[in-house]
N, C-alpha and C. Protein backbone atom coordinates (compact mmCIF):
# COMPACT_ATOMS: atom_id res chain seq x y z
N MET A 1 0.85 -1.12 -0.04
CA MET A 1 0.02 -0.05 -0.04
C MET A 1 0.91 1.22 -0.02
N SER A 2 0.38 2.23 -0.74
CA SER A 2 1.37 3.48 -0.97
C SER A 2 1.33 4.25 0.33
N ASP A 3 2.20 5.14 0.60
CA ASP A 3 2.18 6.07 1.83
C ASP A 3 0.93 6.90 1.77
N GLN A 4 0.44 7.32 0.49
CA GLN A 4 -0.73 8.08 0.42
C GLN A 4 -1.88 7.38 0.85
N ALA A 5 -2.13 6.20 0.37
CA ALA A 5 -3.17 5.32 0.78
C ALA A 5 -3.19 5.03 2.24
N VAL A 6 -2.16 4.79 2.96
CA VAL A 6 -2.14 4.60 4.42
C VAL A 6 -2.39 5.82 4.87
N LYS A 7 -2.05 7.03 4.62
CA LYS A 7 -2.43 8.33 5.28
C LYS A 7 -3.95 8.54 5.12
N GLU A 8 -4.51 8.19 3.80
CA GLU A 8 -5.97 8.36 3.65
C GLU A 8 -6.77 7.34 4.56
N LYS A 9 -6.35 6.18 4.69
CA LYS A 9 -6.93 5.24 5.58
C LYS A 9 -7.04 5.75 7.11
N GLN A 10 -5.93 6.37 7.41
CA GLN A 10 -5.72 6.78 8.89
C GLN A 10 -6.75 8.04 9.13
N THR A 11 -7.10 8.76 8.12
CA THR A 11 -7.86 10.05 8.30
C THR A 11 -9.29 9.88 7.88
N THR A 12 -10.01 8.75 8.27
CA THR A 12 -11.30 8.55 7.98
C THR A 12 -12.22 9.59 8.76
N ARG A 13 -13.00 10.17 7.99
CA ARG A 13 -13.92 11.16 8.68
C ARG A 13 -15.29 10.63 8.76
N SER A 14 -16.10 11.27 9.56
CA SER A 14 -17.40 10.56 9.83
C SER A 14 -18.32 10.83 8.61
N TRP A 15 -18.00 11.64 7.69
CA TRP A 15 -18.95 11.82 6.52
C TRP A 15 -18.33 10.82 5.42
N ASP A 16 -17.23 10.18 5.51
CA ASP A 16 -16.62 9.29 4.50
C ASP A 16 -17.70 8.10 4.33
N ARG A 17 -17.70 7.85 3.02
CA ARG A 17 -18.48 6.61 2.58
C ARG A 17 -17.92 5.25 3.23
N PRO A 18 -18.71 4.59 4.07
CA PRO A 18 -18.06 3.30 4.57
C PRO A 18 -17.78 2.38 3.42
N ASP A 19 -16.65 1.48 3.65
CA ASP A 19 -16.19 0.51 2.61
C ASP A 19 -17.42 -0.36 2.36
N GLY A 20 -17.80 -0.68 1.20
CA GLY A 20 -18.74 -1.66 0.82
C GLY A 20 -20.16 -1.17 0.79
N ALA A 21 -20.33 0.11 1.29
CA ALA A 21 -21.72 0.65 1.33
C ALA A 21 -22.02 1.21 -0.05
N SER A 22 -23.35 1.03 -0.40
CA SER A 22 -23.76 1.54 -1.76
C SER A 22 -24.04 3.03 -1.47
N PHE A 23 -24.24 3.80 -2.64
CA PHE A 23 -24.45 5.09 -2.39
C PHE A 23 -25.81 5.45 -1.57
N ALA A 24 -26.85 4.68 -1.89
CA ALA A 24 -28.17 4.77 -1.18
C ALA A 24 -27.97 4.47 0.33
N GLU A 25 -27.15 3.41 0.64
CA GLU A 25 -26.92 3.09 2.05
C GLU A 25 -26.17 4.20 2.75
N TRP A 26 -25.21 4.68 2.12
CA TRP A 26 -24.39 5.82 2.70
C TRP A 26 -25.26 7.13 2.84
N MET A 27 -26.01 7.50 1.92
CA MET A 27 -26.78 8.75 2.08
C MET A 27 -28.03 8.42 3.06
N GLU A 28 -28.56 7.30 3.16
CA GLU A 28 -29.59 6.91 4.03
C GLU A 28 -29.18 6.92 5.58
N ALA A 29 -27.88 6.67 5.77
CA ALA A 29 -27.22 6.57 7.06
C ALA A 29 -26.94 8.12 7.51
N ARG A 30 -27.15 9.12 6.53
CA ARG A 30 -26.85 10.52 6.92
C ARG A 30 -28.18 11.20 7.12
N VAL A 31 -29.23 10.49 7.16
CA VAL A 31 -30.60 11.04 7.35
C VAL A 31 -31.00 10.66 8.81
N ALA A 32 -31.34 11.73 9.56
CA ALA A 32 -31.91 11.56 10.92
C ALA A 32 -33.56 12.00 10.85
N ARG A 33 -34.36 11.03 10.75
CA ARG A 33 -35.70 11.35 10.66
C ARG A 33 -36.32 11.57 11.96
N HIS A 34 -37.21 12.70 12.14
CA HIS A 34 -37.93 12.86 13.27
C HIS A 34 -38.57 11.57 13.90
N ALA A 35 -39.17 10.83 12.98
CA ALA A 35 -39.94 9.58 13.27
C ALA A 35 -39.17 8.58 14.07
N THR A 36 -37.72 8.61 13.99
CA THR A 36 -36.79 7.75 14.62
C THR A 36 -36.19 8.41 15.78
N ARG A 37 -36.53 9.64 16.07
CA ARG A 37 -35.89 10.41 17.27
C ARG A 37 -36.93 10.19 18.57
N LYS A 38 -36.33 10.24 19.69
CA LYS A 38 -37.19 10.40 20.88
C LYS A 38 -36.51 11.40 21.91
N TYR A 39 -37.42 12.08 22.68
CA TYR A 39 -36.93 12.97 23.61
C TYR A 39 -36.29 12.22 24.60
N ASP A 40 -34.91 12.62 25.11
CA ASP A 40 -34.22 12.13 26.06
C ASP A 40 -34.31 12.98 27.32
N TRP A 41 -35.27 12.59 28.28
CA TRP A 41 -35.44 13.45 29.50
C TRP A 41 -34.28 12.99 30.60
N ASN A 42 -33.41 12.10 30.26
CA ASN A 42 -32.37 11.69 31.09
C ASN A 42 -31.00 12.36 30.86
N ALA A 43 -30.88 12.89 29.74
CA ALA A 43 -29.54 13.55 29.33
C ALA A 43 -29.12 14.45 30.42
N LEU A 44 -30.09 15.28 30.92
CA LEU A 44 -29.70 16.36 31.95
C LEU A 44 -30.50 16.09 33.26
N LYS A 45 -30.87 14.77 33.53
CA LYS A 45 -31.63 14.44 34.66
C LYS A 45 -31.03 14.68 35.90
N PHE A 46 -29.77 14.70 36.08
CA PHE A 46 -29.11 15.03 37.38
C PHE A 46 -29.41 16.50 37.74
N GLN A 47 -29.75 17.32 36.79
CA GLN A 47 -30.03 18.66 37.28
C GLN A 47 -31.51 18.78 37.58
N ALA A 48 -32.43 18.10 36.89
CA ALA A 48 -33.79 18.04 37.28
C ALA A 48 -34.08 17.29 38.76
N ASP A 49 -33.19 16.23 38.96
CA ASP A 49 -33.22 15.68 40.17
C ASP A 49 -32.86 16.64 41.37
N TYR A 50 -32.01 17.58 41.08
CA TYR A 50 -31.64 18.54 42.10
C TYR A 50 -32.69 19.54 42.27
N ASP A 51 -33.32 19.95 41.18
CA ASP A 51 -34.43 20.98 41.19
C ASP A 51 -35.30 20.77 39.96
N PRO A 52 -36.66 20.51 40.05
CA PRO A 52 -37.43 20.25 38.80
C PRO A 52 -37.43 21.41 37.81
N LYS A 53 -37.15 22.61 38.26
CA LYS A 53 -37.07 23.70 37.33
C LYS A 53 -36.09 23.54 36.13
N TYR A 54 -35.20 22.57 36.36
CA TYR A 54 -34.16 22.25 35.35
C TYR A 54 -34.55 21.17 34.35
N ARG A 55 -35.80 20.68 34.46
CA ARG A 55 -36.19 19.60 33.70
C ARG A 55 -36.37 19.99 32.21
N ARG A 56 -35.67 19.26 31.36
CA ARG A 56 -35.91 19.57 29.88
C ARG A 56 -35.26 18.32 29.11
N ALA A 57 -35.62 18.27 27.87
CA ALA A 57 -35.25 17.12 27.08
C ALA A 57 -34.62 17.43 25.83
N GLN A 58 -33.71 16.46 25.52
CA GLN A 58 -32.85 16.64 24.34
C GLN A 58 -33.29 15.66 23.30
N MET A 59 -33.43 16.07 21.99
CA MET A 59 -33.59 15.10 20.75
C MET A 59 -32.35 15.21 20.02
N ARG A 60 -31.52 14.35 19.91
CA ARG A 60 -30.30 14.37 19.10
C ARG A 60 -30.43 14.02 17.64
N TYR A 61 -29.70 14.87 16.76
CA TYR A 61 -29.86 14.56 15.32
C TYR A 61 -28.35 14.22 14.74
N VAL A 62 -27.30 15.25 15.12
CA VAL A 62 -26.00 14.98 14.69
C VAL A 62 -25.10 15.09 15.93
N GLY A 63 -24.35 14.14 16.11
CA GLY A 63 -23.53 14.02 17.30
C GLY A 63 -24.32 13.86 18.58
N THR A 64 -23.67 13.93 19.78
CA THR A 64 -24.39 13.84 21.09
C THR A 64 -24.64 15.08 21.80
N GLY A 65 -23.99 16.13 21.31
CA GLY A 65 -24.19 17.45 21.98
C GLY A 65 -23.21 17.58 23.12
N GLY A 66 -23.56 18.67 24.00
CA GLY A 66 -22.71 19.02 25.02
C GLY A 66 -23.31 18.49 26.36
N THR A 67 -24.34 17.59 26.47
CA THR A 67 -25.06 17.28 27.58
C THR A 67 -24.25 16.20 28.44
N GLY A 68 -23.17 15.69 27.94
CA GLY A 68 -22.42 14.67 28.57
C GLY A 68 -22.89 13.20 28.18
N VAL A 69 -23.90 13.08 27.19
CA VAL A 69 -24.25 11.82 26.70
C VAL A 69 -23.06 11.26 25.94
N LYS A 70 -22.54 10.11 26.26
CA LYS A 70 -21.40 9.58 25.51
C LYS A 70 -21.55 9.17 24.20
N SER A 71 -22.59 8.28 24.01
CA SER A 71 -22.95 7.87 22.64
C SER A 71 -24.39 7.68 22.38
N ASP A 72 -24.70 7.63 20.99
CA ASP A 72 -26.01 7.51 20.66
C ASP A 72 -25.99 6.87 19.20
N VAL A 73 -26.29 5.60 19.10
CA VAL A 73 -26.15 5.01 17.75
C VAL A 73 -27.18 5.54 16.72
N ASN A 74 -28.18 6.30 17.33
CA ASN A 74 -29.22 6.76 16.38
C ASN A 74 -29.07 8.11 15.86
N VAL A 75 -27.80 8.65 15.85
CA VAL A 75 -27.50 9.96 15.33
C VAL A 75 -26.68 9.97 14.12
N VAL A 76 -26.63 11.03 13.24
CA VAL A 76 -25.72 11.04 12.23
C VAL A 76 -24.39 11.37 12.91
N PRO A 77 -23.27 10.73 12.45
CA PRO A 77 -22.08 11.11 13.19
C PRO A 77 -21.59 12.46 12.80
N ALA A 78 -20.98 13.22 13.80
CA ALA A 78 -20.56 14.55 13.76
C ALA A 78 -19.15 14.71 13.35
N GLU A 79 -18.80 15.57 12.53
CA GLU A 79 -17.48 15.79 12.16
C GLU A 79 -16.94 17.18 12.69
N HIS A 80 -17.76 18.19 12.58
CA HIS A 80 -17.47 19.65 13.00
C HIS A 80 -18.29 20.21 13.84
N PHE A 81 -19.51 19.68 14.19
CA PHE A 81 -20.42 20.23 15.07
C PHE A 81 -21.58 19.31 15.54
N THR A 82 -22.35 19.62 16.59
CA THR A 82 -23.51 18.82 16.92
C THR A 82 -24.83 19.59 16.71
N PHE A 83 -25.97 18.85 16.48
CA PHE A 83 -27.14 19.46 16.28
C PHE A 83 -28.15 18.78 16.96
N SER A 84 -29.00 19.35 17.88
CA SER A 84 -30.20 18.68 18.50
C SER A 84 -31.29 19.66 18.63
N THR A 85 -32.33 19.14 19.16
CA THR A 85 -33.47 20.13 19.60
C THR A 85 -33.67 19.97 21.07
N MET A 86 -34.11 20.95 21.67
CA MET A 86 -34.13 20.91 23.25
C MET A 86 -35.70 21.29 23.50
N LEU A 87 -36.36 20.62 24.17
CA LEU A 87 -37.72 20.90 24.76
C LEU A 87 -37.57 21.51 26.13
N LEU A 88 -38.06 22.81 26.30
CA LEU A 88 -37.98 23.53 27.54
C LEU A 88 -39.23 23.80 27.98
N PRO A 89 -39.84 23.02 29.07
CA PRO A 89 -41.23 23.26 29.47
C PRO A 89 -41.45 24.61 29.96
N ALA A 90 -42.69 25.18 30.03
CA ALA A 90 -43.03 26.37 30.51
C ALA A 90 -42.57 26.59 31.89
N GLY A 91 -41.73 27.72 32.08
CA GLY A 91 -41.27 27.95 33.50
C GLY A 91 -39.96 27.25 33.69
N ALA A 92 -39.60 26.21 32.92
CA ALA A 92 -38.24 25.63 33.17
C ALA A 92 -37.02 26.42 32.67
N GLU A 93 -35.88 25.90 33.11
CA GLU A 93 -34.65 26.84 32.68
C GLU A 93 -33.53 25.99 32.59
N GLY A 94 -32.65 26.46 31.71
CA GLY A 94 -31.27 25.82 31.43
C GLY A 94 -30.43 26.56 32.46
N PRO A 95 -29.76 25.81 33.31
CA PRO A 95 -28.89 26.83 34.31
C PRO A 95 -27.72 27.41 33.63
N MET A 96 -27.21 28.49 34.34
CA MET A 96 -26.06 29.23 33.78
C MET A 96 -24.89 28.10 33.56
N HIS A 97 -24.26 28.18 32.39
CA HIS A 97 -23.09 27.11 32.25
C HIS A 97 -22.31 27.81 31.23
N ILE A 98 -21.03 27.09 31.06
CA ILE A 98 -20.21 27.73 30.15
C ILE A 98 -19.58 26.63 29.24
N HIS A 99 -19.30 26.86 27.97
CA HIS A 99 -18.66 25.97 27.11
C HIS A 99 -17.26 26.67 26.85
N THR A 100 -16.16 26.18 27.26
CA THR A 100 -14.98 26.91 27.07
C THR A 100 -14.23 26.70 25.72
N ASP A 101 -14.79 25.68 25.01
CA ASP A 101 -14.21 25.34 23.84
C ASP A 101 -15.07 25.51 22.44
N VAL A 102 -16.21 25.87 22.64
CA VAL A 102 -17.12 25.98 21.59
C VAL A 102 -18.09 27.11 21.45
N GLU A 103 -18.43 27.61 20.37
CA GLU A 103 -19.50 28.40 20.13
C GLU A 103 -20.88 27.63 20.30
N GLU A 104 -21.83 28.24 20.91
CA GLU A 104 -23.18 27.54 20.99
C GLU A 104 -24.34 28.37 20.32
N ILE A 105 -25.24 27.76 19.62
CA ILE A 105 -26.18 28.48 18.92
C ILE A 105 -27.56 27.93 19.32
N PHE A 106 -28.37 28.81 19.58
CA PHE A 106 -29.86 28.48 20.07
C PHE A 106 -30.72 29.24 18.88
N PHE A 107 -31.55 28.38 18.30
CA PHE A 107 -32.56 28.90 17.31
C PHE A 107 -33.82 28.45 17.83
N LEU A 108 -34.57 29.41 18.25
CA LEU A 108 -35.98 29.17 18.87
C LEU A 108 -37.00 28.89 17.71
N ILE A 109 -37.45 27.61 17.66
CA ILE A 109 -38.48 27.39 16.69
C ILE A 109 -39.85 27.96 17.15
N ARG A 110 -40.28 27.64 18.45
CA ARG A 110 -41.38 28.21 19.02
C ARG A 110 -41.17 28.50 20.42
N GLY A 111 -41.74 29.61 20.97
CA GLY A 111 -41.82 29.81 22.35
C GLY A 111 -41.24 31.19 22.66
N LYS A 112 -40.96 31.40 24.00
CA LYS A 112 -40.50 32.72 24.47
C LYS A 112 -39.55 32.33 25.56
N VAL A 113 -38.19 32.62 25.27
CA VAL A 113 -37.18 32.31 26.06
C VAL A 113 -36.23 33.45 26.29
N LYS A 114 -35.97 33.66 27.76
CA LYS A 114 -35.14 34.57 28.16
C LYS A 114 -33.66 34.07 28.36
N VAL A 115 -32.66 34.64 27.48
CA VAL A 115 -31.30 34.15 27.49
C VAL A 115 -30.57 35.19 28.34
N THR A 116 -29.64 34.69 29.33
CA THR A 116 -28.78 35.58 30.06
C THR A 116 -27.43 35.18 29.86
N CYS A 117 -26.70 36.00 29.53
CA CYS A 117 -25.14 35.86 29.21
C CYS A 117 -24.40 36.66 30.27
N GLU A 118 -23.18 36.04 30.68
CA GLU A 118 -22.44 36.74 31.71
C GLU A 118 -20.87 36.38 31.40
N LYS A 119 -20.02 37.48 31.49
CA LYS A 119 -18.60 37.23 31.41
C LYS A 119 -17.86 38.51 32.12
N ASP A 120 -17.00 38.07 32.94
CA ASP A 120 -16.21 38.96 33.71
C ASP A 120 -16.96 39.88 34.40
N GLY A 121 -18.15 39.57 35.03
CA GLY A 121 -18.90 40.38 35.88
C GLY A 121 -19.85 41.35 35.12
N GLU A 122 -19.90 41.18 33.83
CA GLU A 122 -20.87 41.92 32.98
C GLU A 122 -21.93 40.91 32.54
N THR A 123 -23.24 41.48 32.62
CA THR A 123 -24.40 40.57 32.21
C THR A 123 -25.27 41.30 31.21
N TRP A 124 -25.70 40.32 30.15
CA TRP A 124 -26.57 40.73 29.21
C TRP A 124 -27.74 39.82 29.12
N GLU A 125 -28.89 40.44 28.77
CA GLU A 125 -30.18 39.54 28.64
C GLU A 125 -30.84 39.89 27.25
N ALA A 126 -31.48 38.91 26.66
CA ALA A 126 -32.31 39.19 25.53
C ALA A 126 -33.53 38.16 25.56
N VAL A 127 -34.67 38.49 25.06
CA VAL A 127 -35.76 37.56 24.96
C VAL A 127 -35.83 37.22 23.69
N ILE A 128 -35.77 35.87 23.30
CA ILE A 128 -36.04 35.46 21.85
C ILE A 128 -37.22 34.80 21.68
N THR A 129 -37.80 34.84 20.53
CA THR A 129 -39.11 34.33 20.23
C THR A 129 -39.00 33.43 18.91
N ASP A 130 -40.06 33.09 18.36
CA ASP A 130 -40.07 32.20 17.15
C ASP A 130 -39.04 32.73 16.11
N ARG A 131 -38.28 31.76 15.75
CA ARG A 131 -37.34 31.88 14.61
C ARG A 131 -36.19 32.89 14.93
N ASP A 132 -35.99 33.21 16.21
CA ASP A 132 -34.81 34.06 16.56
C ASP A 132 -33.72 33.10 16.78
N LEU A 133 -32.30 33.74 16.60
CA LEU A 133 -31.22 32.94 16.91
C LEU A 133 -30.32 33.84 17.68
N ILE A 134 -29.55 33.11 18.52
CA ILE A 134 -28.45 33.72 19.19
C ILE A 134 -27.21 32.86 19.27
N SER A 135 -26.00 33.44 18.95
CA SER A 135 -24.75 32.65 18.94
C SER A 135 -23.88 33.15 20.08
N ILE A 136 -23.60 32.16 20.93
CA ILE A 136 -22.90 32.55 22.22
C ILE A 136 -21.41 31.98 22.04
N PRO A 137 -20.44 32.99 22.16
CA PRO A 137 -19.03 32.65 21.96
C PRO A 137 -18.51 31.73 23.10
N PRO A 138 -17.39 31.02 22.90
CA PRO A 138 -16.84 30.19 23.86
C PRO A 138 -16.35 31.18 25.12
N GLY A 139 -16.54 30.66 26.21
CA GLY A 139 -15.97 31.55 27.41
C GLY A 139 -16.98 32.46 27.98
N VAL A 140 -18.25 32.31 27.52
CA VAL A 140 -19.24 33.14 28.08
C VAL A 140 -20.21 32.29 28.57
N TYR A 141 -20.66 32.52 29.98
CA TYR A 141 -21.81 31.81 30.59
C TYR A 141 -23.06 32.19 30.00
N ARG A 142 -23.94 31.25 29.91
CA ARG A 142 -25.27 31.43 29.36
C ARG A 142 -26.29 30.44 30.06
N GLY A 143 -27.40 31.01 30.20
CA GLY A 143 -28.58 30.34 30.89
C GLY A 143 -29.73 30.81 30.13
N GLU A 144 -30.78 29.96 30.15
CA GLU A 144 -32.11 30.23 29.50
C GLU A 144 -33.04 29.76 30.24
N ILE A 145 -34.25 30.64 30.19
CA ILE A 145 -35.60 30.32 30.96
C ILE A 145 -36.71 30.59 30.05
N ASN A 146 -37.67 29.48 29.99
CA ASN A 146 -38.84 29.71 29.32
C ASN A 146 -39.83 30.49 30.13
N ILE A 147 -39.93 31.82 29.56
CA ILE A 147 -40.98 32.68 30.11
C ILE A 147 -42.32 32.74 29.49
N GLY A 148 -42.54 31.76 28.52
CA GLY A 148 -43.83 31.71 27.94
C GLY A 148 -44.76 30.76 28.73
N GLU A 149 -45.97 30.59 28.20
CA GLU A 149 -46.82 29.67 28.81
C GLU A 149 -46.96 28.31 28.36
N GLU A 150 -46.29 28.17 27.20
CA GLU A 150 -46.11 26.85 26.49
C GLU A 150 -44.81 26.30 26.45
N ASP A 151 -44.59 24.94 26.22
CA ASP A 151 -43.24 24.44 25.99
C ASP A 151 -42.53 25.16 24.85
N ALA A 152 -41.27 25.47 24.99
CA ALA A 152 -40.51 26.17 24.09
C ALA A 152 -39.72 25.05 23.29
N LEU A 153 -39.46 25.12 22.07
CA LEU A 153 -38.64 24.26 21.37
C LEU A 153 -37.47 24.95 20.51
N MET A 154 -36.34 24.43 20.83
CA MET A 154 -35.19 25.24 20.09
C MET A 154 -34.22 24.19 19.44
N CYS A 155 -33.67 24.64 18.63
CA CYS A 155 -32.51 23.88 18.00
C CYS A 155 -31.30 24.43 18.64
N VAL A 156 -30.29 23.51 19.04
CA VAL A 156 -29.02 23.74 19.65
C VAL A 156 -27.83 23.19 18.82
N MET A 157 -26.94 23.95 18.49
CA MET A 157 -25.90 23.56 17.67
C MET A 157 -24.50 24.05 18.36
N LEU A 158 -23.57 23.04 18.51
CA LEU A 158 -22.27 23.29 19.12
C LEU A 158 -21.24 23.01 18.10
N GLY A 159 -20.21 23.86 18.03
CA GLY A 159 -19.22 23.79 17.08
C GLY A 159 -18.01 22.98 17.21
N SER A 160 -18.36 21.61 17.78
CA SER A 160 -17.47 20.59 17.86
C SER A 160 -18.18 19.32 17.81
N PRO A 161 -17.50 18.21 17.32
CA PRO A 161 -18.17 16.94 17.33
C PRO A 161 -18.39 16.48 18.79
N LYS A 162 -17.39 16.75 19.52
CA LYS A 162 -17.45 16.19 21.06
C LYS A 162 -17.01 17.38 21.97
N PRO A 163 -17.87 18.16 22.15
CA PRO A 163 -17.50 19.37 23.11
C PRO A 163 -17.13 19.00 24.43
N ILE A 164 -16.26 19.74 25.12
CA ILE A 164 -16.03 19.49 26.55
C ILE A 164 -17.24 19.71 27.21
N THR A 165 -17.57 18.92 28.13
CA THR A 165 -18.82 18.96 29.08
C THR A 165 -18.70 20.34 29.67
N PRO A 166 -19.90 21.09 29.54
CA PRO A 166 -19.93 22.38 30.29
C PRO A 166 -19.82 22.35 31.66
N THR A 167 -19.52 23.48 32.32
CA THR A 167 -19.43 23.63 33.74
C THR A 167 -20.16 24.85 34.14
N TYR A 168 -20.49 24.80 35.51
CA TYR A 168 -21.31 25.90 36.03
C TYR A 168 -20.41 27.04 36.87
N PRO A 169 -21.02 28.06 37.09
CA PRO A 169 -20.37 28.99 37.92
C PRO A 169 -19.98 28.39 39.16
N PRO A 170 -18.73 28.80 39.81
CA PRO A 170 -18.33 28.15 41.00
C PRO A 170 -19.41 28.24 42.16
N ASP A 171 -20.11 29.30 42.17
CA ASP A 171 -21.10 29.54 43.29
C ASP A 171 -22.46 28.77 43.05
N HIS A 172 -22.57 28.28 41.83
CA HIS A 172 -23.89 27.71 41.47
C HIS A 172 -24.13 26.30 42.14
N PRO A 173 -25.14 26.10 42.62
CA PRO A 173 -25.32 24.72 43.43
C PRO A 173 -25.05 23.35 42.59
N LEU A 174 -25.37 23.55 41.20
CA LEU A 174 -25.14 22.36 40.42
C LEU A 174 -23.59 22.11 40.10
N ALA A 175 -22.74 23.10 40.42
CA ALA A 175 -21.18 23.06 40.30
C ALA A 175 -20.74 21.90 41.28
N LYS A 176 -21.45 21.67 42.30
CA LYS A 176 -21.07 20.72 43.41
C LYS A 176 -21.68 19.23 43.03
N ILE A 177 -22.64 19.09 42.16
CA ILE A 177 -23.18 17.79 41.89
C ILE A 177 -22.43 17.03 40.92
N LYS A 178 -22.31 15.80 41.17
CA LYS A 178 -21.59 14.72 40.13
C LYS A 178 -22.66 14.43 39.05
N ARG A 179 -22.27 14.33 37.87
CA ARG A 179 -23.20 13.87 36.82
C ARG A 179 -23.22 12.26 36.97
N SER A 180 -24.37 11.77 36.64
CA SER A 180 -24.57 10.31 36.82
C SER A 180 -24.32 9.62 35.55
């Protein structure tokens, strides 16, 4: 085998066509149909166990996201980002947390969510509604609360196939809790 062929073998990417797969098989493996997804209420259950206001569900499409879920055979493999939807019940919140390694995007499909961001003692808030998007840089704390009367549904995208698990502000009660 030539040096180039060896190098190419070693750099298999998640989007590369698997050996022996037909074009149709390869492309079908890259489709994540809503009908084959289910809400995962356990991805962040440790937070809801601490306080029910943190109850929310993730539905994964590309990669496993930043929730700490290690694997999910039902997702399209991620090469450069993850993509999921998050169901945030009325009154529920995603606690302040930080991704040190990736940008995070929230695209609200439906609902009314207040997003709070904080960095170096400065705080900023925005209310996002249907089809609004916010892109939060790495190193900025972010939290969200559903201030609407119905469940909010948003797309969440992280700029890495396996982001570092986020952490909480040192004085936040969840900072002391072990993930299960």
